[in-house]
Amino acid sequence: KECDWSSDVCSSDLQTLSVEIRPTAQVAAVRLRHDFPAQHHPDGGMTVQIGDAYSGETRRLLVELALRPVHEGGPVDLATMTVTWASVVGTPAHHRVVVPVVVHGGTADEVTDATADPRVVEAIAVLDGAEAQRRARELAGAGAFDEAAALLRSTARQLRYEIGRAHV
């Protein structure tokens, strides 16, 4: 989520910035797409330690939620994200903001990804490309050159499709 929910977060120097993700029963799995340290909870959630951030600095957290089938239309609660940090400028204080994660459920005809944020689609594409590159290096290192090349070609096609679709 961009900084529209709290301008204080974006204009302050922060220490120990963390995000706790608590999924609902509608979520089958939670996947962190960054290398931030994370503590996994028995309920499938996690607390992600983002660390310190400084005024004007952009920090992004990409988390994938694998959903169970939704059979009815309307809002579906997926998770609660609790953002915590300590401010160190002025009077030191501990802050906490709770952000609900809600989507609109329904059939494939009723729900589209037309509202997908192109910045998020691009971030996913970059991470997918990096993962494919890492895997292709492993394959090539093991002598599977044709498989490595096929993986990179397939990934390139998929990334062009996804990014092109997001910017329509």
Protein backbone atom coordinates (compact mmCIF):
# COMPACT_ATOMS: atom_id res chain seq x y z
CA LYS A 1 0.00 0.00 0.00
CA GLU A 2 1.39 3.39 -0.90
CA CYS A 3 1.67 6.12 1.71
CA ASP A 4 -1.86 7.46 1.25
CA TRP A 5 -3.01 6.03 4.61
CA SER A 6 -0.59 8.02 6.72
CA SER A 7 1.44 10.98 5.54
CA ASP A 8 3.33 10.84 8.86
CA VAL A 9 4.94 7.57 7.82
CA CYS A 10 6.26 9.03 4.57
CA SER A 11 7.61 12.24 6.05
CA SER A 12 9.37 10.87 9.13
CA ASP A 13 12.56 9.07 10.00
CA LEU A 14 11.52 5.64 11.25
CA GLN A 15 13.21 2.96 13.26
CA THR A 16 12.30 -0.72 13.49
CA LEU A 17 9.63 -0.54 10.80
CA SER A 18 7.77 -3.85 10.67
CA VAL A 19 4.61 -5.25 9.11
CA GLU A 20 2.59 -8.04 10.69
CA ILE A 21 0.37 -9.94 8.24
CA ARG A 22 -2.52 -11.91 9.74
CA PRO A 23 -4.47 -13.79 7.05
CA THR A 24 -8.10 -14.82 7.39
CA ALA A 25 -9.40 -18.35 6.73
CA GLN A 26 -10.00 -17.24 3.11
CA VAL A 27 -6.22 -17.29 2.52
CA ALA A 28 -4.57 -20.64 1.78
CA ALA A 29 -0.96 -19.37 1.85
CA VAL A 30 1.12 -16.23 2.33
CA ARG A 31 4.34 -15.71 0.35
CA LEU A 32 6.85 -12.94 0.99
CA ARG A 33 8.46 -11.82 -2.27
CA HIS A 34 11.42 -9.97 -0.71
CA ASP A 35 14.49 -10.87 1.31
CA PHE A 36 13.40 -8.97 4.40
CA PRO A 37 13.78 -11.05 7.57
CA ALA A 38 10.45 -12.55 8.58
CA GLN A 39 9.13 -14.48 11.53
CA HIS A 40 6.46 -16.99 10.47
CA HIS A 41 3.47 -17.56 12.73
CA PRO A 42 1.60 -20.86 13.26
CA ASP A 43 -1.58 -19.34 11.76
CA GLY A 44 0.17 -18.83 8.41
CA GLY A 45 0.88 -15.16 9.01
CA MET A 46 4.20 -13.47 9.47
CA THR A 47 5.95 -10.43 10.83
CA VAL A 48 8.31 -8.80 8.35
CA GLN A 49 11.19 -6.68 9.68
CA ILE A 50 11.78 -3.89 7.18
CA GLY A 51 14.20 -1.98 9.39
CA ASP A 52 14.94 1.73 9.44
CA ALA A 53 13.64 4.17 6.83
CA TYR A 54 14.34 7.81 6.28
CA SER A 55 12.15 10.74 5.21
CA GLY A 56 11.45 10.59 1.49
CA GLU A 57 12.77 7.04 1.13
CA THR A 58 10.48 4.53 -0.60
CA ARG A 59 10.16 1.05 0.87
CA ARG A 60 8.00 -1.56 -0.78
CA LEU A 61 6.74 -4.85 0.53
CA LEU A 62 5.30 -7.39 -1.88
CA VAL A 63 3.29 -10.21 -0.37
CA GLU A 64 1.26 -12.77 -2.33
CA LEU A 65 -1.90 -14.19 -0.80
CA ALA A 66 -3.09 -17.47 -2.34
CA LEU A 67 -6.85 -17.50 -1.94
CA ARG A 68 -9.33 -20.26 -1.41
CA PRO A 69 -12.25 -20.25 -3.89
CA VAL A 70 -14.77 -17.46 -3.33
CA HIS A 71 -18.31 -18.46 -4.24
CA GLU A 72 -20.22 -15.33 -3.36
CA GLY A 73 -19.87 -11.76 -4.57
CA GLY A 74 -19.08 -8.79 -2.42
CA PRO A 75 -16.21 -7.82 -0.15
CA VAL A 76 -13.93 -10.59 1.09
CA ASP A 77 -11.65 -9.95 4.07
CA LEU A 78 -8.23 -11.44 3.31
CA ALA A 79 -5.92 -10.19 6.01
CA THR A 80 -5.01 -7.51 8.47
CA MET A 81 -1.66 -5.79 8.12
CA THR A 82 -0.35 -4.01 11.17
CA VAL A 83 2.44 -1.54 10.48
CA THR A 84 4.55 -0.53 13.50
CA TRP A 85 7.51 1.81 13.86
CA ALA A 86 9.26 4.12 16.26
CA SER A 87 9.67 7.77 15.33
CA VAL A 88 12.97 9.29 16.35
CA VAL A 89 12.52 12.90 15.29
CA GLY A 90 10.98 15.25 17.84
CA THR A 91 9.35 13.41 20.69
CA PRO A 92 10.19 9.70 20.38
CA ALA A 93 7.04 7.60 20.06
CA HIS A 94 5.89 4.14 19.03
CA HIS A 95 3.25 4.05 16.26
CA ARG A 96 0.84 1.41 15.01
CA VAL A 97 -1.48 1.49 11.97
CA VAL A 98 -3.87 -1.36 11.13
CA VAL A 99 -4.68 -1.80 7.43
CA PRO A 100 -7.44 -4.23 6.39
CA VAL A 101 -6.88 -6.13 3.13
CA VAL A 102 -10.21 -6.59 1.34
CA VAL A 103 -11.03 -7.62 -2.24
CA HIS A 104 -14.28 -7.98 -4.14
CA GLY A 105 -15.25 -11.62 -4.69
CA GLY A 106 -17.38 -13.10 -7.42
CA THR A 107 -17.29 -15.12 -10.62
CA ALA A 108 -14.61 -14.68 -13.28
CA ASP A 109 -17.10 -12.64 -15.33
CA GLU A 110 -17.75 -10.31 -12.39
CA VAL A 111 -14.19 -9.84 -11.20
CA THR A 112 -11.30 -8.69 -13.38
CA ASP A 113 -7.84 -7.42 -12.66
CA ALA A 114 -8.56 -4.18 -14.53
CA THR A 115 -7.73 -2.30 -11.35
CA ALA A 116 -4.34 -4.00 -10.94
CA ASP A 117 -1.73 -1.35 -10.16
CA PRO A 118 0.85 -1.38 -12.98
CA ARG A 119 3.60 -0.67 -10.42
CA VAL A 120 2.71 -3.88 -8.58
CA VAL A 121 2.53 -5.89 -11.80
CA GLU A 122 5.96 -4.55 -12.77
CA ALA A 123 7.43 -5.34 -9.33
CA ILE A 124 6.15 -8.92 -9.62
CA ALA A 125 7.61 -9.18 -13.12
CA VAL A 126 11.02 -8.00 -11.92
CA LEU A 127 11.02 -10.52 -9.06
CA ASP A 128 9.83 -13.33 -11.36
CA GLY A 129 12.55 -12.45 -13.86
CA ALA A 130 15.23 -12.49 -11.17
CA GLU A 131 13.99 -15.86 -9.87
CA ALA A 132 14.02 -17.33 -13.39
CA GLN A 133 17.52 -15.99 -13.95
CA ARG A 134 18.72 -17.54 -10.69
CA ARG A 135 17.13 -20.90 -11.60
CA ALA A 136 18.57 -20.77 -15.14
CA ARG A 137 22.06 -20.22 -13.71
CA GLU A 138 21.60 -23.29 -11.50
CA LEU A 139 20.45 -25.35 -14.48
CA ALA A 140 23.36 -24.17 -16.66
CA GLY A 141 25.77 -24.88 -13.82
CA ALA A 142 24.44 -28.45 -13.76
CA GLY A 143 24.93 -28.75 -17.53
CA ALA A 144 21.23 -28.42 -18.44
CA PHE A 145 21.85 -25.65 -21.01
CA ASP A 146 18.78 -26.33 -23.17
CA GLU A 147 16.49 -26.36 -20.13
CA ALA A 148 18.04 -23.11 -18.85
CA ALA A 149 17.56 -21.41 -22.23
CA ALA A 150 13.96 -22.65 -22.49
CA LEU A 151 13.20 -21.32 -18.99
CA LEU A 152 14.55 -17.87 -19.87
CA ARG A 153 12.64 -17.74 -23.19
CA SER A 154 9.41 -18.80 -21.50
CA THR A 155 9.87 -16.30 -18.68
CA ALA A 156 10.63 -13.48 -21.14
CA ARG A 157 7.40 -14.21 -23.06
CA GLN A 158 5.37 -14.29 -19.84
CA LEU A 159 6.90 -11.04 -18.56
CA ARG A 160 6.24 -9.21 -21.85
CA TYR A 161 2.62 -10.40 -21.71
CA GLU A 162 2.07 -9.43 -18.05
CA ILE A 163 3.69 -6.00 -18.31
CA GLY A 164 1.94 -5.27 -21.61
CA ARG A 165 -1.42 -6.23 -20.13
CA ALA A 166 -0.86 -4.06 -17.04
CA HIS A 167 -0.10 -0.94 -19.10
CA VAL A 168 -3.15 -1.19 -21.39
